[in-house]
N, C-alpha and C. Protein backbone atom coordinates (compact mmCIF):
# COMPACT_ATOMS: atom_id res chain seq x y z
N MET A 1 88.68 148.92 68.07
CA MET A 1 89.70 147.79 68.65
C MET A 1 90.53 148.39 67.67
N THR A 2 92.10 148.75 68.03
CA THR A 2 93.14 148.77 67.38
C THR A 2 93.78 147.60 66.61
N ASP A 3 94.82 147.65 65.75
CA ASP A 3 95.46 146.56 65.28
C ASP A 3 96.17 146.05 66.82
N LEU A 4 96.62 146.59 67.61
CA LEU A 4 97.62 146.08 68.74
C LEU A 4 96.53 145.44 69.10
N GLU A 5 95.53 146.03 69.70
CA GLU A 5 94.39 144.89 70.73
C GLU A 5 93.93 143.91 69.79
N PHE A 6 93.68 144.09 68.71
CA PHE A 6 92.90 142.78 67.94
C PHE A 6 94.35 141.60 68.29
N LEU A 7 95.59 142.25 67.59
CA LEU A 7 96.57 141.17 67.82
C LEU A 7 97.17 140.49 68.99
N ASP A 8 96.63 141.66 70.24
CA ASP A 8 97.15 140.52 71.33
C ASP A 8 96.16 139.39 71.63
N ARG A 9 94.44 140.06 71.44
CA ARG A 9 93.38 139.09 72.15
C ARG A 9 93.57 138.08 70.90
N ALA A 10 93.75 138.04 69.82
CA ALA A 10 93.60 137.01 68.72
C ALA A 10 95.07 136.21 69.02
N GLU A 11 96.08 136.57 69.26
CA GLU A 11 97.16 135.70 69.98
C GLU A 11 96.59 134.66 71.10
N ALA A 12 96.45 135.42 72.24
CA ALA A 12 95.69 134.78 73.12
C ALA A 12 94.67 133.73 73.01
N ALA A 13 94.07 134.10 71.86
CA ALA A 13 93.15 132.93 71.43
C ALA A 13 93.48 131.65 70.97
N LEU A 14 94.72 132.22 69.91
CA LEU A 14 95.51 131.18 69.12
C LEU A 14 96.17 130.17 70.52
N GLN A 15 97.25 130.86 71.39
CA GLN A 15 97.43 130.32 72.34
C GLN A 15 96.94 129.13 73.09
N ALA A 16 95.52 129.74 73.11
CA ALA A 16 94.58 129.30 74.14
C ALA A 16 94.35 127.53 73.60
N ILE A 17 94.05 128.22 72.43
CA ILE A 17 93.74 126.69 71.47
C ILE A 17 95.16 125.79 71.49
N GLU A 18 96.26 125.93 71.52
CA GLU A 18 97.59 125.08 71.40
C GLU A 18 97.30 124.68 72.65
N LEU A 19 97.48 125.54 73.58
CA LEU A 19 97.04 124.83 75.03
C LEU A 19 96.11 123.80 75.55
N ALA A 20 95.00 124.00 74.87
CA ALA A 20 93.92 123.02 74.77
C ALA A 20 93.89 121.86 74.24
N CYS A 21 94.57 121.90 72.84
CA CYS A 21 95.44 120.60 72.30
C CYS A 21 96.32 119.74 73.22
N ASP A 22 96.97 120.47 73.93
CA ASP A 22 98.06 119.81 74.54
C ASP A 22 97.32 118.99 75.77
N ARG A 23 96.33 119.88 76.50
CA ARG A 23 95.33 119.19 77.61
C ARG A 23 94.61 117.79 77.39
N ILE A 24 94.08 118.19 76.07
CA ILE A 24 93.44 117.23 75.01
C ILE A 24 94.16 115.91 75.25
N ASN A 25 95.39 116.35 74.51
CA ASN A 25 96.20 114.90 74.26
C ASN A 25 96.84 114.27 75.55
N GLU A 26 96.68 114.83 76.43
CA GLU A 26 97.40 114.50 77.84
C GLU A 26 96.16 113.68 78.72
N ALA A 27 95.05 114.01 78.58
CA ALA A 27 93.99 113.24 78.99
C ALA A 27 93.19 112.31 78.17
N THR A 28 93.42 112.60 76.88
CA THR A 28 92.77 111.51 76.19
C THR A 28 93.42 110.48 74.99
N ASP A 29 92.60 109.96 74.38
CA ASP A 29 93.59 109.12 73.19
C ASP A 29 93.38 110.03 71.87
N ALA A 30 92.62 111.39 71.79
CA ALA A 30 92.49 111.72 70.71
C ALA A 30 93.49 112.14 69.72
N ASP A 31 94.89 112.35 70.34
CA ASP A 31 95.92 112.43 69.33
C ASP A 31 95.63 113.40 68.17
N VAL A 32 95.47 114.89 68.60
CA VAL A 32 95.28 115.92 68.07
C VAL A 32 96.59 116.71 67.62
N ASP A 33 97.13 116.57 66.60
CA ASP A 33 98.11 117.45 66.01
C ASP A 33 97.79 119.12 65.98
N ASN A 34 98.48 119.89 66.54
CA ASN A 34 98.56 120.95 66.01
C ASN A 34 99.74 121.96 65.14
N GLN A 35 99.71 122.41 64.27
CA GLN A 35 100.70 122.69 63.77
C GLN A 35 100.32 124.44 63.89
N ARG A 36 101.23 125.38 64.29
CA ARG A 36 101.34 126.66 63.89
C ARG A 36 102.44 127.30 62.95
N VAL A 37 101.66 128.25 62.18
CA VAL A 37 102.62 128.78 61.42
C VAL A 37 102.09 130.20 61.14
N GLY A 38 102.70 131.36 61.84
CA GLY A 38 102.09 132.72 61.81
C GLY A 38 101.18 132.79 62.63
N GLY A 39 99.65 133.57 61.95
CA GLY A 39 99.10 133.64 62.55
C GLY A 39 97.98 132.52 62.07
N MET A 40 98.01 131.08 61.97
CA MET A 40 97.55 130.41 61.48
C MET A 40 97.80 128.87 62.42
N VAL A 41 96.59 128.35 62.97
CA VAL A 41 96.92 126.96 63.69
C VAL A 41 96.16 125.87 62.99
N THR A 42 96.66 124.60 62.55
CA THR A 42 95.89 123.90 61.65
C THR A 42 96.00 122.53 63.04
N LEU A 43 94.56 122.25 63.21
CA LEU A 43 94.29 121.17 64.17
C LEU A 43 94.21 119.87 63.19
N VAL A 44 94.93 118.88 63.28
CA VAL A 44 94.70 117.59 62.32
C VAL A 44 94.68 116.31 63.61
N PHE A 45 93.53 115.71 63.05
CA PHE A 45 92.89 114.75 64.09
C PHE A 45 93.27 113.28 63.16
N ALA A 46 93.17 112.19 63.98
CA ALA A 46 93.47 110.80 63.74
C ALA A 46 93.30 110.26 62.42
N ASN A 47 92.21 111.07 61.96
CA ASN A 47 91.44 110.35 60.93
C ASN A 47 91.71 111.15 59.64
N ARG A 48 92.79 111.94 59.66
CA ARG A 48 93.39 113.13 58.91
C ARG A 48 92.40 114.16 58.29
N SER A 49 91.33 114.41 59.17
CA SER A 49 90.33 115.52 58.71
C SER A 49 91.25 116.71 59.76
N GLN A 50 90.84 118.10 59.28
CA GLN A 50 91.50 118.98 59.76
C GLN A 50 90.25 120.00 60.32
N ILE A 51 90.88 121.18 60.80
CA ILE A 51 90.53 122.10 61.45
C ILE A 51 91.32 123.48 61.49
N VAL A 52 91.42 124.61 60.64
CA VAL A 52 92.12 125.51 60.18
C VAL A 52 91.53 126.82 61.04
N VAL A 53 92.26 127.47 61.76
CA VAL A 53 91.97 128.75 62.63
C VAL A 53 93.03 129.70 62.38
N ASN A 54 92.53 130.94 61.35
CA ASN A 54 93.60 131.68 61.18
C ASN A 54 92.81 133.02 61.38
N LEU A 55 93.93 134.01 61.47
CA LEU A 55 93.58 135.62 61.73
C LEU A 55 93.41 136.58 60.47
N GLN A 56 92.60 136.88 60.49
CA GLN A 56 92.15 138.14 59.06
C GLN A 56 92.21 139.37 59.92
N LYS A 57 93.76 139.73 59.98
CA LYS A 57 93.94 140.97 60.44
C LYS A 57 93.43 142.28 60.16
N PRO A 58 93.41 142.21 58.44
CA PRO A 58 92.84 143.57 58.20
C PRO A 58 91.33 143.63 58.81
N LEU A 59 90.45 142.67 58.77
CA LEU A 59 89.12 142.41 59.79
C LEU A 59 88.99 142.27 60.67
N HIS A 60 89.84 142.32 61.27
CA HIS A 60 89.90 142.12 62.90
C HIS A 60 88.84 140.89 63.15
N GLU A 61 89.54 139.40 62.35
CA GLU A 61 88.55 138.87 62.84
C GLU A 61 89.50 137.31 62.96
N ILE A 62 88.75 136.36 63.52
CA ILE A 62 89.25 135.11 63.55
C ILE A 62 88.43 134.25 62.68
N TRP A 63 89.26 133.54 61.78
CA TRP A 63 88.42 132.65 61.19
C TRP A 63 88.50 131.19 61.24
N VAL A 64 87.71 130.49 60.96
CA VAL A 64 87.70 128.92 61.17
C VAL A 64 87.08 128.22 60.18
N ALA A 65 87.99 127.19 59.81
CA ALA A 65 87.32 126.33 58.65
C ALA A 65 87.30 124.84 59.20
N ALA A 66 86.29 124.16 59.23
CA ALA A 66 86.27 122.56 59.48
C ALA A 66 84.91 122.28 58.52
N ARG A 67 85.04 120.95 58.81
CA ARG A 67 84.18 119.58 57.89
C ARG A 67 82.87 120.54 57.98
N SER A 68 82.34 120.92 58.96
CA SER A 68 80.92 121.68 59.23
C SER A 68 80.43 122.70 58.44
N GLY A 69 81.72 123.68 58.39
CA GLY A 69 81.65 124.98 57.41
C GLY A 69 82.82 125.92 58.05
N GLY A 70 82.72 127.22 57.50
CA GLY A 70 83.45 128.34 57.98
C GLY A 70 82.38 129.34 58.75
N TYR A 71 83.50 129.82 59.55
CA TYR A 71 83.16 130.56 60.77
C TYR A 71 83.94 131.69 60.61
N HIS A 72 83.70 133.26 61.05
CA HIS A 72 84.01 134.26 61.27
C HIS A 72 83.82 134.85 62.30
N TYR A 73 84.70 135.16 63.47
CA TYR A 73 84.45 135.47 64.52
C TYR A 73 85.27 136.91 65.10
N LYS A 74 84.24 137.94 65.58
CA LYS A 74 84.79 139.37 66.21
C LYS A 74 84.96 139.48 67.62
N TRP A 75 85.72 140.31 68.00
CA TRP A 75 85.59 140.33 69.12
C TRP A 75 84.35 141.36 69.71
N ASP A 76 83.78 141.03 70.82
CA ASP A 76 82.25 142.07 71.02
C ASP A 76 82.74 142.38 72.80
N GLY A 77 83.80 142.45 72.86
CA GLY A 77 84.34 143.15 74.08
C GLY A 77 84.33 142.12 75.57
N GLN A 78 83.78 140.86 75.15
CA GLN A 78 84.10 139.76 75.93
C GLN A 78 84.38 138.41 75.41
N ALA A 79 83.97 137.90 74.47
CA ALA A 79 84.50 136.87 73.87
C ALA A 79 84.53 136.83 72.36
N TRP A 80 84.96 136.08 71.50
CA TRP A 80 85.04 135.86 70.25
C TRP A 80 83.54 135.40 69.94
N VAL A 81 82.94 136.18 69.04
CA VAL A 81 81.32 135.69 68.61
C VAL A 81 81.44 135.78 67.24
N ASP A 82 80.79 134.73 66.50
CA ASP A 82 80.40 134.19 65.25
C ASP A 82 79.54 135.58 64.53
N THR A 83 80.19 136.26 63.36
CA THR A 83 79.38 137.08 62.80
C THR A 83 77.82 137.15 62.45
N LYS A 84 77.78 135.69 62.38
CA LYS A 84 76.53 135.18 61.57
C LYS A 84 75.87 134.53 62.87
N GLY A 85 75.71 135.06 64.02
CA GLY A 85 75.07 134.15 65.11
C GLY A 85 75.00 132.40 65.46
N GLN A 86 76.42 131.95 65.15
CA GLN A 86 76.65 130.65 65.57
C GLN A 86 77.27 130.35 66.52
N GLY A 87 77.44 131.31 67.62
CA GLY A 87 77.89 131.30 68.84
C GLY A 87 79.51 131.77 68.89
N GLU A 88 79.88 131.23 70.31
CA GLU A 88 81.10 131.58 70.61
C GLU A 88 82.24 130.80 69.95
N LEU A 89 83.31 131.50 69.81
CA LEU A 89 84.66 130.87 68.93
C LEU A 89 84.97 129.22 69.87
N PHE A 90 85.30 129.27 71.09
CA PHE A 90 85.53 128.08 71.94
C PHE A 90 84.69 126.89 71.94
N ALA A 91 83.37 127.38 71.84
CA ALA A 91 82.19 126.49 71.70
C ALA A 91 82.34 126.08 70.70
N GLN A 92 82.05 126.70 69.47
CA GLN A 92 82.06 126.29 68.19
C GLN A 92 83.43 125.19 67.71
N LEU A 93 84.51 125.71 68.33
CA LEU A 93 85.65 125.03 68.53
C LEU A 93 85.52 123.37 68.90
N THR A 94 84.75 123.43 69.99
CA THR A 94 84.28 122.20 70.90
C THR A 94 83.80 121.30 69.83
N ARG A 95 82.22 122.01 69.44
CA ARG A 95 81.15 120.81 68.59
C ARG A 95 82.13 120.66 67.30
N CYS A 96 83.15 121.44 66.38
CA CYS A 96 83.67 120.92 65.31
C CYS A 96 84.68 119.84 65.86
N ALA A 97 85.41 119.96 66.76
CA ALA A 97 86.85 118.90 66.98
C ALA A 97 85.94 117.91 67.44
N THR A 98 84.99 117.58 68.33
CA THR A 98 84.26 116.74 68.84
C THR A 98 83.66 115.68 67.83
N GLU A 99 82.93 116.55 66.80
CA GLU A 99 82.25 115.76 65.54
C GLU A 99 83.47 115.03 64.66
N GLN A 100 84.48 115.80 64.53
CA GLN A 100 85.74 115.32 63.74
C GLN A 100 86.51 114.08 64.29
N ALA A 101 86.74 114.53 65.65
CA ALA A 101 87.64 113.46 66.23
C ALA A 101 86.66 112.20 66.52
N GLY A 102 85.31 112.24 66.86
CA GLY A 102 84.34 111.19 67.19
C GLY A 102 84.75 110.73 68.37
N GLN A 103 85.16 111.95 69.12
CA GLN A 103 84.78 111.89 70.94
C GLN A 103 84.79 113.10 71.31
N ALA A 104 84.25 113.31 72.61
CA ALA A 104 84.11 114.40 73.27
C ALA A 104 85.42 115.14 73.66
N LEU A 105 85.48 116.41 73.00
CA LEU A 105 86.79 117.13 73.24
C LEU A 105 86.12 118.62 73.50
N VAL A 106 87.18 119.37 74.69
CA VAL A 106 86.78 120.52 75.12
C VAL A 106 87.82 121.42 74.92
N PHE A 107 87.21 122.67 73.94
CA PHE A 107 87.98 123.96 73.90
C PHE A 107 87.51 125.13 74.64
N SER A 108 88.62 125.64 75.53
CA SER A 108 88.15 126.79 75.95
C SER A 108 89.24 127.50 76.33
N SER A 109 88.90 129.29 76.51
CA SER A 109 89.69 130.04 76.32
C SER A 109 90.15 129.82 78.00
């Protein structure tokens, strides 16, 4: 994957995360605040816990830091998949956000 391809795919993923937060806030009382600075999106929950999603451009990876741990995702041609076998980006983000918010939340691409 070229640098440009990575940036296009990674930017689409970050935008999907931001849109998911908007949908969640409209449909639930979860109140997930999302703050974007460059290639990083920080999700802040009502209990002040955070999930940070950021781009690691030199490695062509998306990194996620959550209460449950840190995760690294690479594009496999179809989806962003964890480099250590922990699953797909949006599925893991759904699990982490649900845990941190204390209610069922759904993130999707």
